[in-house]
Amino acid sequence: MQLLRQISVYIGYRYDDLDEAALTGALDDTNDEDVDGWFEYPLAGTPALVIRLAQSPGSGVVSVRAEGAMDLVLATRIETLLDLL
């Protein structure tokens, strides 16, 4: 997933084919309208982040949340990336 690959660059995490394999089909049963309907994926960089992903019911839209101890620069980079993708 290009989004996670780019965020990984920002935090120094080595995102690879194993990460891609872990995400295969992971969003199939998600629902961004359900508190428990999100898929969580950890990125163990600096800082460590948890990326939460969920599909919007009835569409191909994926909602994304990045959680962790981010400084303003990292938060702005991720926000800009989300706007572009």
N, C-alpha and C. Protein backbone atom coordinates (compact mmCIF):
# COMPACT_ATOMS: atom_id res chain seq x y z
N MET A 1 0.86 -1.16 0.00
CA MET A 1 0.00 0.00 0.00
C MET A 1 0.91 1.24 0.00
N GLN A 2 0.76 2.05 -1.00
CA GLN A 2 1.63 3.21 -1.18
C GLN A 2 1.62 4.15 0.02
N LEU A 3 0.47 4.33 0.63
CA LEU A 3 0.36 5.21 1.80
C LEU A 3 1.28 4.75 2.92
N LEU A 4 1.21 3.48 3.27
CA LEU A 4 2.03 2.97 4.37
C LEU A 4 3.50 2.96 4.00
N ARG A 5 3.80 2.70 2.74
CA ARG A 5 5.19 2.74 2.28
C ARG A 5 5.77 4.14 2.49
N GLN A 6 5.01 5.18 2.15
CA GLN A 6 5.50 6.55 2.29
C GLN A 6 5.62 6.97 3.75
N ILE A 7 4.63 6.64 4.56
CA ILE A 7 4.70 6.96 5.99
C ILE A 7 5.92 6.27 6.60
N SER A 8 6.19 5.05 6.18
CA SER A 8 7.35 4.31 6.68
C SER A 8 8.66 5.03 6.39
N VAL A 9 8.75 5.65 5.22
CA VAL A 9 9.94 6.43 4.89
C VAL A 9 10.11 7.57 5.90
N TYR A 10 9.03 8.22 6.25
CA TYR A 10 9.08 9.34 7.20
C TYR A 10 9.60 8.94 8.57
N ILE A 11 9.30 7.69 8.99
CA ILE A 11 9.66 7.27 10.35
C ILE A 11 10.81 6.26 10.38
N GLY A 12 11.40 5.97 9.24
CA GLY A 12 12.55 5.08 9.20
C GLY A 12 12.21 3.61 9.39
N TYR A 13 11.01 3.22 9.02
CA TYR A 13 10.59 1.81 9.10
C TYR A 13 10.82 1.15 7.76
N ARG A 14 11.38 -0.07 7.76
CA ARG A 14 11.62 -0.80 6.51
C ARG A 14 10.37 -1.55 6.07
N TYR A 15 9.54 -0.90 5.31
CA TYR A 15 8.31 -1.49 4.78
C TYR A 15 8.70 -2.38 3.62
N ASP A 16 8.20 -3.63 3.59
CA ASP A 16 8.58 -4.54 2.52
C ASP A 16 7.43 -5.44 2.08
N ASP A 17 7.77 -6.48 1.33
CA ASP A 17 6.76 -7.38 0.79
C ASP A 17 5.99 -8.13 1.87
N LEU A 18 6.60 -8.37 3.01
CA LEU A 18 5.88 -9.02 4.10
C LEU A 18 4.78 -8.13 4.64
N ASP A 19 5.03 -6.83 4.68
CA ASP A 19 3.99 -5.88 5.09
C ASP A 19 2.84 -5.91 4.08
N GLU A 20 3.18 -5.91 2.81
CA GLU A 20 2.14 -5.97 1.76
C GLU A 20 1.30 -7.23 1.90
N ALA A 21 1.95 -8.37 2.16
CA ALA A 21 1.24 -9.63 2.32
C ALA A 21 0.30 -9.59 3.52
N ALA A 22 0.74 -8.95 4.60
CA ALA A 22 -0.10 -8.84 5.80
C ALA A 22 -1.35 -8.02 5.55
N LEU A 23 -1.30 -7.12 4.58
CA LEU A 23 -2.44 -6.25 4.29
C LEU A 23 -3.41 -6.84 3.27
N THR A 24 -3.02 -7.92 2.61
CA THR A 24 -3.87 -8.53 1.61
C THR A 24 -5.19 -8.99 2.23
N GLY A 25 -6.27 -8.43 1.79
CA GLY A 25 -7.60 -8.78 2.28
C GLY A 25 -7.94 -8.22 3.65
N ALA A 26 -7.03 -7.47 4.25
CA ALA A 26 -7.24 -6.98 5.62
C ALA A 26 -8.41 -6.02 5.75
N LEU A 27 -8.76 -5.33 4.68
CA LEU A 27 -9.83 -4.33 4.77
C LEU A 27 -11.20 -4.88 4.38
N ASP A 28 -11.25 -6.14 3.96
CA ASP A 28 -12.49 -6.72 3.46
C ASP A 28 -13.65 -6.63 4.44
N ASP A 29 -13.39 -6.83 5.71
CA ASP A 29 -14.47 -6.84 6.71
C ASP A 29 -14.45 -5.62 7.61
N THR A 30 -13.85 -4.53 7.15
CA THR A 30 -13.78 -3.31 7.97
C THR A 30 -14.99 -2.42 7.70
N ASN A 31 -15.22 -1.50 8.62
CA ASN A 31 -16.34 -0.57 8.50
C ASN A 31 -16.00 0.69 9.28
N ASP A 32 -15.82 1.79 8.57
CA ASP A 32 -15.40 3.02 9.25
C ASP A 32 -16.50 3.66 10.10
N GLU A 33 -17.69 3.12 10.06
CA GLU A 33 -18.79 3.63 10.89
C GLU A 33 -18.91 2.86 12.21
N ASP A 34 -18.11 1.80 12.37
CA ASP A 34 -18.14 0.96 13.55
C ASP A 34 -16.83 1.15 14.32
N VAL A 35 -16.94 1.49 15.60
CA VAL A 35 -15.75 1.72 16.42
C VAL A 35 -14.81 0.51 16.40
N ASP A 36 -15.37 -0.68 16.35
CA ASP A 36 -14.57 -1.91 16.35
C ASP A 36 -14.32 -2.43 14.94
N GLY A 37 -14.67 -1.65 13.92
CA GLY A 37 -14.58 -2.11 12.55
C GLY A 37 -13.31 -1.71 11.82
N TRP A 38 -12.32 -1.25 12.55
CA TRP A 38 -11.08 -0.77 11.94
C TRP A 38 -9.99 -1.83 12.01
N PHE A 39 -9.13 -1.85 11.00
CA PHE A 39 -7.95 -2.70 10.98
C PHE A 39 -6.77 -1.85 11.45
N GLU A 40 -5.99 -2.37 12.39
CA GLU A 40 -4.84 -1.63 12.91
C GLU A 40 -3.55 -2.27 12.42
N TYR A 41 -2.63 -1.43 11.94
CA TYR A 41 -1.34 -1.93 11.48
C TYR A 41 -0.23 -1.10 12.11
N PRO A 42 0.67 -1.76 12.86
CA PRO A 42 1.76 -1.03 13.51
C PRO A 42 2.93 -0.79 12.55
N LEU A 43 3.52 0.37 12.65
CA LEU A 43 4.76 0.69 11.94
C LEU A 43 5.79 1.02 13.01
N ALA A 44 6.76 0.14 13.20
CA ALA A 44 7.71 0.26 14.30
C ALA A 44 8.91 1.11 13.94
N GLY A 45 8.65 2.35 13.60
CA GLY A 45 9.73 3.28 13.29
C GLY A 45 9.94 4.23 14.46
N THR A 46 10.51 5.39 14.14
CA THR A 46 10.72 6.42 15.15
C THR A 46 10.02 7.69 14.70
N PRO A 47 8.88 8.01 15.28
CA PRO A 47 8.21 7.31 16.37
C PRO A 47 7.42 6.11 15.85
N ALA A 48 7.09 5.20 16.76
CA ALA A 48 6.22 4.08 16.41
C ALA A 48 4.81 4.63 16.17
N LEU A 49 4.19 4.17 15.10
CA LEU A 49 2.83 4.60 14.77
C LEU A 49 1.92 3.40 14.62
N VAL A 50 0.65 3.62 14.84
CA VAL A 50 -0.38 2.64 14.50
C VAL A 50 -1.25 3.30 13.44
N ILE A 51 -1.37 2.65 12.31
CA ILE A 51 -2.21 3.14 11.24
C ILE A 51 -3.50 2.35 11.28
N ARG A 52 -4.61 3.06 11.38
CA ARG A 52 -5.93 2.42 11.41
C ARG A 52 -6.61 2.67 10.08
N LEU A 53 -7.14 1.60 9.49
CA LEU A 53 -7.75 1.65 8.17
C LEU A 53 -9.12 1.00 8.20
N ALA A 54 -10.07 1.56 7.46
CA ALA A 54 -11.40 0.96 7.35
C ALA A 54 -12.08 1.48 6.10
N GLN A 55 -12.85 0.60 5.49
CA GLN A 55 -13.62 0.99 4.31
C GLN A 55 -14.94 1.61 4.73
N SER A 56 -15.41 2.52 3.90
CA SER A 56 -16.73 3.10 4.08
C SER A 56 -17.73 2.12 3.48
N PRO A 57 -18.79 1.76 4.21
CA PRO A 57 -19.75 0.78 3.71
C PRO A 57 -20.32 1.18 2.34
N GLY A 58 -20.33 0.22 1.44
CA GLY A 58 -20.93 0.44 0.13
C GLY A 58 -20.07 1.23 -0.83
N SER A 59 -18.80 1.46 -0.51
CA SER A 59 -17.94 2.21 -1.42
C SER A 59 -16.52 1.67 -1.35
N GLY A 60 -15.67 2.19 -2.19
CA GLY A 60 -14.27 1.82 -2.18
C GLY A 60 -13.41 2.81 -1.41
N VAL A 61 -14.05 3.76 -0.72
CA VAL A 61 -13.32 4.77 0.04
C VAL A 61 -12.74 4.15 1.30
N VAL A 62 -11.47 4.42 1.56
CA VAL A 62 -10.81 3.92 2.76
C VAL A 62 -10.49 5.09 3.67
N SER A 63 -10.94 4.99 4.92
CA SER A 63 -10.63 5.99 5.93
C SER A 63 -9.33 5.59 6.62
N VAL A 64 -8.53 6.59 6.97
CA VAL A 64 -7.21 6.34 7.57
C VAL A 64 -7.03 7.23 8.79
N ARG A 65 -6.46 6.65 9.84
CA ARG A 65 -6.06 7.39 11.03
C ARG A 65 -4.64 6.98 11.38
N ALA A 66 -3.80 7.94 11.65
CA ALA A 66 -2.44 7.66 12.11
C ALA A 66 -2.35 8.08 13.56
N GLU A 67 -1.91 7.16 14.43
CA GLU A 67 -1.85 7.43 15.85
C GLU A 67 -0.45 7.17 16.37
N GLY A 68 0.02 8.02 17.25
CA GLY A 68 1.33 7.88 17.85
C GLY A 68 1.84 9.24 18.28
N ALA A 69 3.02 9.25 18.84
CA ALA A 69 3.63 10.49 19.34
C ALA A 69 4.32 11.22 18.19
N MET A 70 3.55 11.99 17.44
CA MET A 70 4.07 12.70 16.27
C MET A 70 4.36 14.15 16.62
N ASP A 71 5.46 14.66 16.07
CA ASP A 71 5.70 16.09 16.18
C ASP A 71 4.92 16.79 15.06
N LEU A 72 4.93 18.09 15.07
CA LEU A 72 4.15 18.87 14.10
C LEU A 72 4.59 18.60 12.66
N VAL A 73 5.88 18.44 12.43
CA VAL A 73 6.38 18.20 11.07
C VAL A 73 5.86 16.87 10.54
N LEU A 74 5.97 15.80 11.32
CA LEU A 74 5.49 14.50 10.88
C LEU A 74 3.98 14.51 10.67
N ALA A 75 3.25 15.08 11.60
CA ALA A 75 1.79 15.15 11.47
C ALA A 75 1.39 15.89 10.20
N THR A 76 2.09 16.97 9.89
CA THR A 76 1.79 17.74 8.69
C THR A 76 2.13 16.94 7.43
N ARG A 77 3.24 16.23 7.45
CA ARG A 77 3.61 15.38 6.30
C ARG A 77 2.55 14.33 6.04
N ILE A 78 2.11 13.67 7.10
CA ILE A 78 1.10 12.61 6.94
C ILE A 78 -0.21 13.21 6.48
N GLU A 79 -0.61 14.33 7.04
CA GLU A 79 -1.84 14.99 6.62
C GLU A 79 -1.79 15.38 5.14
N THR A 80 -0.66 15.90 4.70
CA THR A 80 -0.49 16.27 3.29
C THR A 80 -0.56 15.03 2.41
N LEU A 81 0.08 13.95 2.84
CA LEU A 81 0.06 12.70 2.08
C LEU A 81 -1.38 12.19 1.95
N LEU A 82 -2.14 12.24 3.02
CA LEU A 82 -3.54 11.80 2.97
C LEU A 82 -4.36 12.67 2.01
N ASP A 83 -4.08 13.96 1.97
CA ASP A 83 -4.78 14.83 1.04
C ASP A 83 -4.46 14.50 -0.41
N LEU A 84 -3.21 14.08 -0.67
CA LEU A 84 -2.79 13.79 -2.04
C LEU A 84 -3.27 12.44 -2.53
N LEU A 85 -3.35 11.47 -1.63
CA LEU A 85 -3.75 10.13 -2.04
C LEU A 85 -5.22 9.99 -1.83
